[in-house]
Amino acid sequence: MSRFVTRSAARVRRRLRPALAALACVVGLWSALAWGWDRERLTESAAKLSPRTQAAVRAMIQMAERAAAQPDEGDRLATVNDFFNQRVAFRDDIEVWGQIDYWATPLEMLDKGAGDCEDYAIGKYMSLLAAGVPQSRLRMVYVRAQFQGRPQAHMVLAYYPQPEAEPLILDNINPEIRAASLRPDLTPVFSFNGEGLWSGVGATTAGNPLVRLSLWRDLLAKAKAEGF
């Protein structure tokens, strides 16, 4: 069985009760933007930046609309995954934002034309929600990735066709969408979406979930103001 498959809810709650309590305050905020975006407001937010950003946001909205029209969710995943992997350049937060860790909204990422692994995952997550993919099928997953011969903290987006199914992994390092079992370079640590937080497998952590969720809460507030 894939290491990415969910553990029982009871077991997770016992181990992560403090983190889940912190997440509760996030869920109410997320419910207002869980199923898409306000196109007019998002366009207005982009207009305050630059013509290039306006064009990029229009392209993102059109991409999500094309994805929504595709009956096969696999095609939706590919459409969204390719859009961000091809349009956004990978850059560390310190280079883009002058901070060690900054979670950008899709609007902020498109304005910069660059982002790190969290930004790719966030952009894909929000776009797939806008394209009609149920939130319960999507999770952002912190992993320990083997990259160029050494482990490093990394984030990917996982798509679960069924709750206990092996997920598909959307990644910026490997642009091909692959089943989790075909990504032995990734060891999941913890995962989350707007509905909950789940434990991963492995003794090595990629960061304190409480700290990470504070970044998630701040991100959602920014995104809501922009029209997501």
C-alpha atoms as a PDB file:
ATOM      1  CA  MET A   1       0.000   0.000   0.000  1.00  0.00           C
ATOM      2  CA  SER A   2       1.264   3.472  -0.846  1.00  0.00           C
ATOM      3  CA  ARG A   3       2.824   5.486   1.977  1.00  0.00           C
ATOM      4  CA  PHE A   4       0.553   8.348   0.912  1.00  0.00           C
ATOM      5  CA  VAL A   5      -2.695   6.523   1.776  1.00  0.00           C
ATOM      6  CA  THR A   6      -4.576   8.079   4.707  1.00  0.00           C
ATOM      7  CA  ARG A   7      -4.352   6.611   8.201  1.00  0.00           C
ATOM      8  CA  SER A   8      -7.529   6.147  10.212  1.00  0.00           C
ATOM      9  CA  ALA A   9      -9.124   9.368  11.403  1.00  0.00           C
ATOM     10  CA  ALA A  10      -9.083   8.281  15.051  1.00  0.00           C
ATOM     11  CA  ARG A  11      -5.388   7.519  15.050  1.00  0.00           C
ATOM     12  CA  VAL A  12      -4.544  10.797  13.341  1.00  0.00           C
ATOM     13  CA  ARG A  13      -6.638  12.811  15.763  1.00  0.00           C
ATOM     14  CA  ARG A  14      -4.892  11.297  18.778  1.00  0.00           C
ATOM     15  CA  ARG A  15      -1.452  12.149  17.418  1.00  0.00           C
ATOM     16  CA  LEU A  16      -2.243  15.556  15.972  1.00  0.00           C
ATOM     17  CA  ARG A  17      -4.999  16.924  18.224  1.00  0.00           C
ATOM     18  CA  PRO A  18      -3.136  20.227  18.950  1.00  0.00           C
ATOM     19  CA  ALA A  19      -2.496  20.867  15.281  1.00  0.00           C
ATOM     20  CA  LEU A  20      -6.075  20.004  14.344  1.00  0.00           C
ATOM     21  CA  ALA A  21      -7.330  22.486  16.918  1.00  0.00           C
ATOM     22  CA  ALA A  22      -5.211  25.164  15.293  1.00  0.00           C
ATOM     23  CA  LEU A  23      -6.588  24.206  11.903  1.00  0.00           C
ATOM     24  CA  ALA A  24     -10.196  24.673  13.011  1.00  0.00           C
ATOM     25  CA  CYS A  25      -9.907  28.441  12.804  1.00  0.00           C
ATOM     26  CA  VAL A  26      -8.693  28.122   9.233  1.00  0.00           C
ATOM     27  CA  VAL A  27     -11.616  26.068   7.954  1.00  0.00           C
ATOM     28  CA  GLY A  28     -14.186  28.818   8.445  1.00  0.00           C
ATOM     29  CA  LEU A  29     -12.092  31.240   6.433  1.00  0.00           C
ATOM     30  CA  TRP A  30     -11.469  28.694   3.706  1.00  0.00           C
ATOM     31  CA  SER A  31     -15.173  27.869   3.294  1.00  0.00           C
ATOM     32  CA  ALA A  32     -15.736  31.257   1.664  1.00  0.00           C
ATOM     33  CA  LEU A  33     -13.293  30.498  -1.153  1.00  0.00           C
ATOM     34  CA  ALA A  34     -13.240  26.728  -1.329  1.00  0.00           C
ATOM     35  CA  TRP A  35     -15.122  26.329  -4.577  1.00  0.00           C
ATOM     36  CA  GLY A  36     -13.572  28.879  -6.911  1.00  0.00           C
ATOM     37  CA  TRP A  37     -12.881  32.559  -7.332  1.00  0.00           C
ATOM     38  CA  ASP A  38     -14.570  35.869  -8.004  1.00  0.00           C
ATOM     39  CA  ARG A  39     -13.416  36.499 -11.559  1.00  0.00           C
ATOM     40  CA  GLU A  40     -14.244  40.212 -11.584  1.00  0.00           C
ATOM     41  CA  ARG A  41     -12.554  40.884  -8.256  1.00  0.00           C
ATOM     42  CA  LEU A  42      -9.512  38.836  -9.214  1.00  0.00           C
ATOM     43  CA  THR A  43      -9.188  40.770 -12.466  1.00  0.00           C
ATOM     44  CA  GLU A  44      -9.438  44.043 -10.552  1.00  0.00           C
ATOM     45  CA  SER A  45      -6.689  42.891  -8.184  1.00  0.00           C
ATOM     46  CA  ALA A  46      -4.442  42.063 -11.121  1.00  0.00           C
ATOM     47  CA  ALA A  47      -5.149  45.466 -12.711  1.00  0.00           C
ATOM     48  CA  LYS A  48      -3.474  47.141  -9.723  1.00  0.00           C
ATOM     49  CA  LEU A  49      -0.189  45.436 -10.604  1.00  0.00           C
ATOM     50  CA  SER A  50       0.907  45.372 -14.245  1.00  0.00           C
ATOM     51  CA  PRO A  51      -0.414  44.613 -17.758  1.00  0.00           C
ATOM     52  CA  ARG A  52       1.740  41.475 -17.768  1.00  0.00           C
ATOM     53  CA  THR A  53       0.125  40.295 -14.535  1.00  0.00           C
ATOM     54  CA  GLN A  54      -3.331  41.059 -15.897  1.00  0.00           C
ATOM     55  CA  ALA A  55      -2.595  38.901 -18.943  1.00  0.00           C
ATOM     56  CA  ALA A  56      -1.244  36.069 -16.770  1.00  0.00           C
ATOM     57  CA  VAL A  57      -4.320  36.118 -14.514  1.00  0.00           C
ATOM     58  CA  ARG A  58      -6.645  36.099 -17.537  1.00  0.00           C
ATOM     59  CA  ALA A  59      -4.724  33.100 -18.839  1.00  0.00           C
ATOM     60  CA  MET A  60      -5.096  31.354 -15.476  1.00  0.00           C
ATOM     61  CA  ILE A  61      -8.848  31.978 -15.361  1.00  0.00           C
ATOM     62  CA  GLN A  62      -9.258  30.737 -18.941  1.00  0.00           C
ATOM     63  CA  MET A  63      -7.127  27.694 -18.158  1.00  0.00           C
ATOM     64  CA  ALA A  64      -9.315  26.790 -15.172  1.00  0.00           C
ATOM     65  CA  GLU A  65     -12.436  27.223 -17.290  1.00  0.00           C
ATOM     66  CA  ARG A  66     -11.000  24.879 -19.942  1.00  0.00           C
ATOM     67  CA  ALA A  67     -10.140  22.385 -17.228  1.00  0.00           C
ATOM     68  CA  ALA A  68     -13.655  22.608 -15.775  1.00  0.00           C
ATOM     69  CA  ALA A  69     -15.077  21.691 -19.196  1.00  0.00           C
ATOM     70  CA  GLN A  70     -13.008  18.500 -19.362  1.00  0.00           C
ATOM     71  CA  PRO A  71     -15.084  15.522 -18.161  1.00  0.00           C
ATOM     72  CA  ASP A  72     -12.037  13.469 -17.171  1.00  0.00           C
ATOM     73  CA  GLU A  73     -10.381  14.630 -13.946  1.00  0.00           C
ATOM     74  CA  GLY A  74      -7.052  13.268 -15.162  1.00  0.00           C
ATOM     75  CA  ASP A  75      -7.203  15.765 -18.009  1.00  0.00           C
ATOM     76  CA  ARG A  76      -8.047  18.526 -15.548  1.00  0.00           C
ATOM     77  CA  LEU A  77      -4.998  17.637 -13.486  1.00  0.00           C
ATOM     78  CA  ALA A  78      -2.743  17.725 -16.539  1.00  0.00           C
ATOM     79  CA  THR A  79      -4.124  21.062 -17.742  1.00  0.00           C
ATOM     80  CA  VAL A  80      -3.532  22.766 -14.398  1.00  0.00           C
ATOM     81  CA  ASN A  81      -0.205  21.055 -13.697  1.00  0.00           C
ATOM     82  CA  ASP A  82       1.225  22.031 -17.090  1.00  0.00           C
ATOM     83  CA  PHE A  83       0.042  25.631 -16.820  1.00  0.00           C
ATOM     84  CA  PHE A  84       2.008  26.409 -13.665  1.00  0.00           C
ATOM     85  CA  ASN A  85       5.024  24.232 -14.434  1.00  0.00           C
ATOM     86  CA  GLN A  86       5.467  25.891 -17.818  1.00  0.00           C
ATOM     87  CA  ARG A  87       4.640  29.472 -16.870  1.00  0.00           C
ATOM     88  CA  VAL A  88       6.353  29.880 -13.487  1.00  0.00           C
ATOM     89  CA  ALA A  89      10.117  29.794 -12.934  1.00  0.00           C
ATOM     90  CA  PHE A  90      11.399  28.113  -9.795  1.00  0.00           C
ATOM     91  CA  ARG A  91      13.059  30.535  -7.372  1.00  0.00           C
ATOM     92  CA  ASP A  92      13.672  30.338  -3.630  1.00  0.00           C
ATOM     93  CA  ASP A  93      11.652  32.649  -1.371  1.00  0.00           C
ATOM     94  CA  ILE A  94      14.759  34.509  -0.258  1.00  0.00           C
ATOM     95  CA  GLU A  95      15.419  35.482  -3.876  1.00  0.00           C
ATOM     96  CA  VAL A  96      11.834  36.412  -4.742  1.00  0.00           C
ATOM     97  CA  TRP A  97      10.574  37.858  -1.452  1.00  0.00           C
ATOM     98  CA  GLY A  98      13.658  38.435   0.670  1.00  0.00           C
ATOM     99  CA  GLN A  99      12.255  36.010   3.263  1.00  0.00           C
ATOM    100  CA  ILE A 100      13.208  32.461   4.165  1.00  0.00           C
ATOM    101  CA  ASP A 101       9.620  31.206   3.943  1.00  0.00           C
ATOM    102  CA  TYR A 102       6.788  33.047   2.198  1.00  0.00           C
ATOM    103  CA  TRP A 103       3.606  31.484   0.820  1.00  0.00           C
ATOM    104  CA  ALA A 104       2.431  33.407  -2.235  1.00  0.00           C
ATOM    105  CA  THR A 105      -1.076  33.502  -3.627  1.00  0.00           C
ATOM    106  CA  PRO A 106      -1.438  32.521  -7.299  1.00  0.00           C
ATOM    107  CA  LEU A 107      -1.807  36.225  -8.111  1.00  0.00           C
ATOM    108  CA  GLU A 108       1.436  37.083  -6.317  1.00  0.00           C
ATOM    109  CA  MET A 109       3.244  34.184  -7.991  1.00  0.00           C
ATOM    110  CA  LEU A 110       2.065  35.176 -11.465  1.00  0.00           C
ATOM    111  CA  ASP A 111       3.016  38.794 -10.795  1.00  0.00           C
ATOM    112  CA  LYS A 112       6.575  37.704  -9.973  1.00  0.00           C
ATOM    113  CA  GLY A 113       6.628  35.013 -12.629  1.00  0.00           C
ATOM    114  CA  ALA A 114       8.455  32.845 -10.085  1.00  0.00           C
ATOM    115  CA  GLY A 115       7.829  30.789  -6.970  1.00  0.00           C
ATOM    116  CA  ASP A 116       8.984  27.851  -4.893  1.00  0.00           C
ATOM    117  CA  CYS A 117       7.440  24.439  -4.324  1.00  0.00           C
ATOM    118  CA  GLU A 118       4.730  25.673  -1.932  1.00  0.00           C
ATOM    119  CA  ASP A 119       3.645  28.332  -4.422  1.00  0.00           C
ATOM    120  CA  TYR A 120       3.304  25.801  -7.256  1.00  0.00           C
ATOM    121  CA  ALA A 121       1.234  23.493  -5.032  1.00  0.00           C
ATOM    122  CA  ILE A 122      -1.002  26.345  -3.853  1.00  0.00           C
ATOM    123  CA  GLY A 123      -1.622  27.605  -7.394  1.00  0.00           C
ATOM    124  CA  LYS A 124      -2.540  24.129  -8.618  1.00  0.00           C
ATOM    125  CA  TYR A 125      -4.737  23.465  -5.579  1.00  0.00           C
ATOM    126  CA  MET A 126      -6.786  26.646  -5.958  1.00  0.00           C
ATOM    127  CA  SER A 127      -7.083  26.262  -9.728  1.00  0.00           C
ATOM    128  CA  LEU A 128      -8.303  22.674  -9.468  1.00  0.00           C
ATOM    129  CA  LEU A 129     -10.918  23.750  -6.935  1.00  0.00           C
ATOM    130  CA  ALA A 130     -12.039  26.434  -9.374  1.00  0.00           C
ATOM    131  CA  ALA A 131     -12.171  23.749 -12.084  1.00  0.00           C
ATOM    132  CA  GLY A 132     -14.598  21.722  -9.979  1.00  0.00           C
ATOM    133  CA  VAL A 133     -12.348  19.095  -8.398  1.00  0.00           C
ATOM    134  CA  PRO A 134     -13.685  18.298  -4.901  1.00  0.00           C
ATOM    135  CA  GLN A 135     -11.537  19.600  -2.074  1.00  0.00           C
ATOM    136  CA  SER A 136     -11.612  16.171  -0.396  1.00  0.00           C
ATOM    137  CA  ARG A 137      -9.567  14.760  -3.298  1.00  0.00           C
ATOM    138  CA  LEU A 138      -6.744  17.279  -2.973  1.00  0.00           C
ATOM    139  CA  ARG A 139      -4.037  17.614  -0.354  1.00  0.00           C
ATOM    140  CA  MET A 140      -0.848  19.576  -0.140  1.00  0.00           C
ATOM    141  CA  VAL A 141       1.816  17.212   1.124  1.00  0.00           C
ATOM    142  CA  TYR A 142       5.068  18.082   2.836  1.00  0.00           C
ATOM    143  CA  VAL A 143       7.635  15.480   1.849  1.00  0.00           C
ATOM    144  CA  ARG A 144      11.274  14.683   2.351  1.00  0.00           C
ATOM    145  CA  ALA A 145      12.574  14.592  -1.229  1.00  0.00           C
ATOM    146  CA  GLN A 146      15.792  13.077  -2.477  1.00  0.00           C
ATOM    147  CA  PHE A 147      17.063  15.718  -4.872  1.00  0.00           C
ATOM    148  CA  GLN A 148      20.490  15.707  -6.469  1.00  0.00           C
ATOM    149  CA  GLY A 149      21.692  13.107  -3.985  1.00  0.00           C
ATOM    150  CA  ARG A 150      20.554  14.781  -0.775  1.00  0.00           C
ATOM    151  CA  PRO A 151      17.283  15.058   1.188  1.00  0.00           C
ATOM    152  CA  GLN A 152      15.415  18.334   1.330  1.00  0.00           C
ATOM    153  CA  ALA A 153      12.025  19.619   2.463  1.00  0.00           C
ATOM    154  CA  HIS A 154       9.602  19.876  -0.441  1.00  0.00           C
ATOM    155  CA  MET A 155       5.875  20.249  -1.109  1.00  0.00           C
ATOM    156  CA  VAL A 156       3.734  18.532  -3.736  1.00  0.00           C
ATOM    157  CA  LEU A 157       0.016  18.347  -4.463  1.00  0.00           C
ATOM    158  CA  ALA A 158      -1.643  14.942  -4.133  1.00  0.00           C
ATOM    159  CA  TYR A 159      -4.870  13.941  -5.872  1.00  0.00           C
ATOM    160  CA  TYR A 160      -6.860  11.070  -4.325  1.00  0.00           C
ATOM    161  CA  PRO A 161      -9.478   9.646  -6.752  1.00  0.00           C
ATOM    162  CA  GLN A 162     -10.946   7.775  -3.751  1.00  0.00           C
ATOM    163  CA  PRO A 163     -10.269   8.293  -0.002  1.00  0.00           C
ATOM    164  CA  GLU A 164      -8.165   5.130   0.369  1.00  0.00           C
ATOM    165  CA  ALA A 165      -6.741   5.095  -3.147  1.00  0.00           C
ATOM    166  CA  GLU A 166      -3.141   5.648  -4.109  1.00  0.00           C
ATOM    167  CA  PRO A 167      -2.799   9.327  -4.999  1.00  0.00           C
ATOM    168  CA  LEU A 168      -1.352  10.955  -8.077  1.00  0.00           C
ATOM    169  CA  ILE A 169       1.424  13.466  -7.440  1.00  0.00           C
ATOM    170  CA  LEU A 170       1.599  16.916  -9.064  1.00  0.00           C
ATOM    171  CA  ASP A 171       5.099  18.283  -8.708  1.00  0.00           C
ATOM    172  CA  ASN A 172       7.282  21.056 -10.068  1.00  0.00           C
ATOM    173  CA  ILE A 173      10.525  19.034  -9.847  1.00  0.00           C
ATOM    174  CA  ASN A 174       9.134  16.153 -11.897  1.00  0.00           C
ATOM    175  CA  PRO A 175       6.509  17.628 -14.252  1.00  0.00           C
ATOM    176  CA  GLU A 176       5.021  14.232 -15.108  1.00  0.00           C
ATOM    177  CA  ILE A 177       1.966  13.333 -13.031  1.00  0.00           C
ATOM    178  CA  ARG A 178       2.759   9.962 -11.514  1.00  0.00           C
ATOM    179  CA  ALA A 179       1.296   7.602  -8.932  1.00  0.00           C
ATOM    180  CA  ALA A 180       2.854   7.930  -5.482  1.00  0.00           C
ATOM    181  CA  SER A 181       4.323   4.427  -5.706  1.00  0.00           C
ATOM    182  CA  LEU A 182       6.329   5.582  -8.718  1.00  0.00           C
ATOM    183  CA  ARG A 183       7.881   8.411  -6.711  1.00  0.00           C
ATOM    184  CA  PRO A 184      10.249   6.567  -4.335  1.00  0.00           C
ATOM    185  CA  ASP A 185      12.221   9.814  -4.056  1.00  0.00           C
ATOM    186  CA  LEU A 186       9.414  11.291  -1.912  1.00  0.00           C
ATOM    187  CA  THR A 187       8.701  10.406   1.721  1.00  0.00           C
ATOM    188  CA  PRO A 188       5.506  12.075   3.027  1.00  0.00           C
ATOM    189  CA  VAL A 189       5.697  13.863   6.364  1.00  0.00           C
ATOM    190  CA  PHE A 190       2.279  15.507   6.754  1.00  0.00           C
ATOM    191  CA  SER A 191      -0.508  16.709   4.476  1.00  0.00           C
ATOM    192  CA  PHE A 192      -3.374  19.167   4.700  1.00  0.00           C
ATOM    193  CA  ASN A 193      -6.169  20.924   2.858  1.00  0.00           C
ATOM    194  CA  GLY A 194      -9.045  23.143   3.930  1.00  0.00           C
ATOM    195  CA  GLU A 195     -10.702  20.237   5.725  1.00  0.00           C
ATOM    196  CA  GLY A 196      -7.988  18.738   7.903  1.00  0.00           C
ATOM    197  CA  LEU A 197      -4.402  17.773   8.671  1.00  0.00           C
ATOM    198  CA  TRP A 198      -2.977  14.274   8.296  1.00  0.00           C
ATOM    199  CA  SER A 199       0.181  12.597   9.533  1.00  0.00           C
ATOM    200  CA  GLY A 200       2.659  11.259   7.016  1.00  0.00           C
ATOM    201  CA  VAL A 201       5.165   8.447   7.420  1.00  0.00           C
ATOM    202  CA  GLY A 202       8.721   8.807   8.703  1.00  0.00           C
ATOM    203  CA  ALA A 203      10.557  10.098  11.749  1.00  0.00           C
ATOM    204  CA  THR A 204      12.067  13.126  10.039  1.00  0.00           C
ATOM    205  CA  THR A 205       9.868  16.210   9.973  1.00  0.00           C
ATOM    206  CA  ALA A 206       9.848  18.952   7.361  1.00  0.00           C
ATOM    207  CA  GLY A 207       8.629  21.604   9.772  1.00  0.00           C
ATOM    208  CA  ASN A 208       6.278  22.243  12.665  1.00  0.00           C
ATOM    209  CA  PRO A 209       2.658  21.786  11.451  1.00  0.00           C
ATOM    210  CA  LEU A 210       1.482  24.608  13.722  1.00  0.00           C
ATOM    211  CA  VAL A 211       3.942  27.015  12.115  1.00  0.00           C
ATOM    212  CA  ARG A 212       3.040  25.813   8.646  1.00  0.00           C
ATOM    213  CA  LEU A 213      -0.654  26.256   9.325  1.00  0.00           C
ATOM    214  CA  SER A 214      -0.119  29.837  10.433  1.00  0.00           C
ATOM    215  CA  LEU A 215       1.354  30.468   6.985  1.00  0.00           C
ATOM    216  CA  TRP A 216      -1.668  28.729   5.462  1.00  0.00           C
ATOM    217  CA  ARG A 217      -4.037  30.942   7.458  1.00  0.00           C
ATOM    218  CA  ASP A 218      -2.193  34.083   6.336  1.00  0.00           C
ATOM    219  CA  LEU A 219      -2.222  32.892   2.733  1.00  0.00           C
ATOM    220  CA  LEU A 220      -5.990  32.329   2.736  1.00  0.00           C
ATOM    221  CA  ALA A 221      -6.625  35.812   4.101  1.00  0.00           C
ATOM    222  CA  LYS A 222      -4.549  37.323   1.282  1.00  0.00           C
ATOM    223  CA  ALA A 223      -6.187  35.150  -1.341  1.00  0.00           C
ATOM    224  CA  LYS A 224      -9.698  36.025  -0.163  1.00  0.00           C
ATOM    225  CA  ALA A 225      -8.904  39.743  -0.389  1.00  0.00           C
ATOM    226  CA  GLU A 226      -7.685  39.248  -3.960  1.00  0.00           C
ATOM    227  CA  GLY A 227     -10.816  37.454  -5.081  1.00  0.00           C
ATOM    228  CA  PHE A 228      -9.992  33.771  -4.611  1.00  0.00           C
END
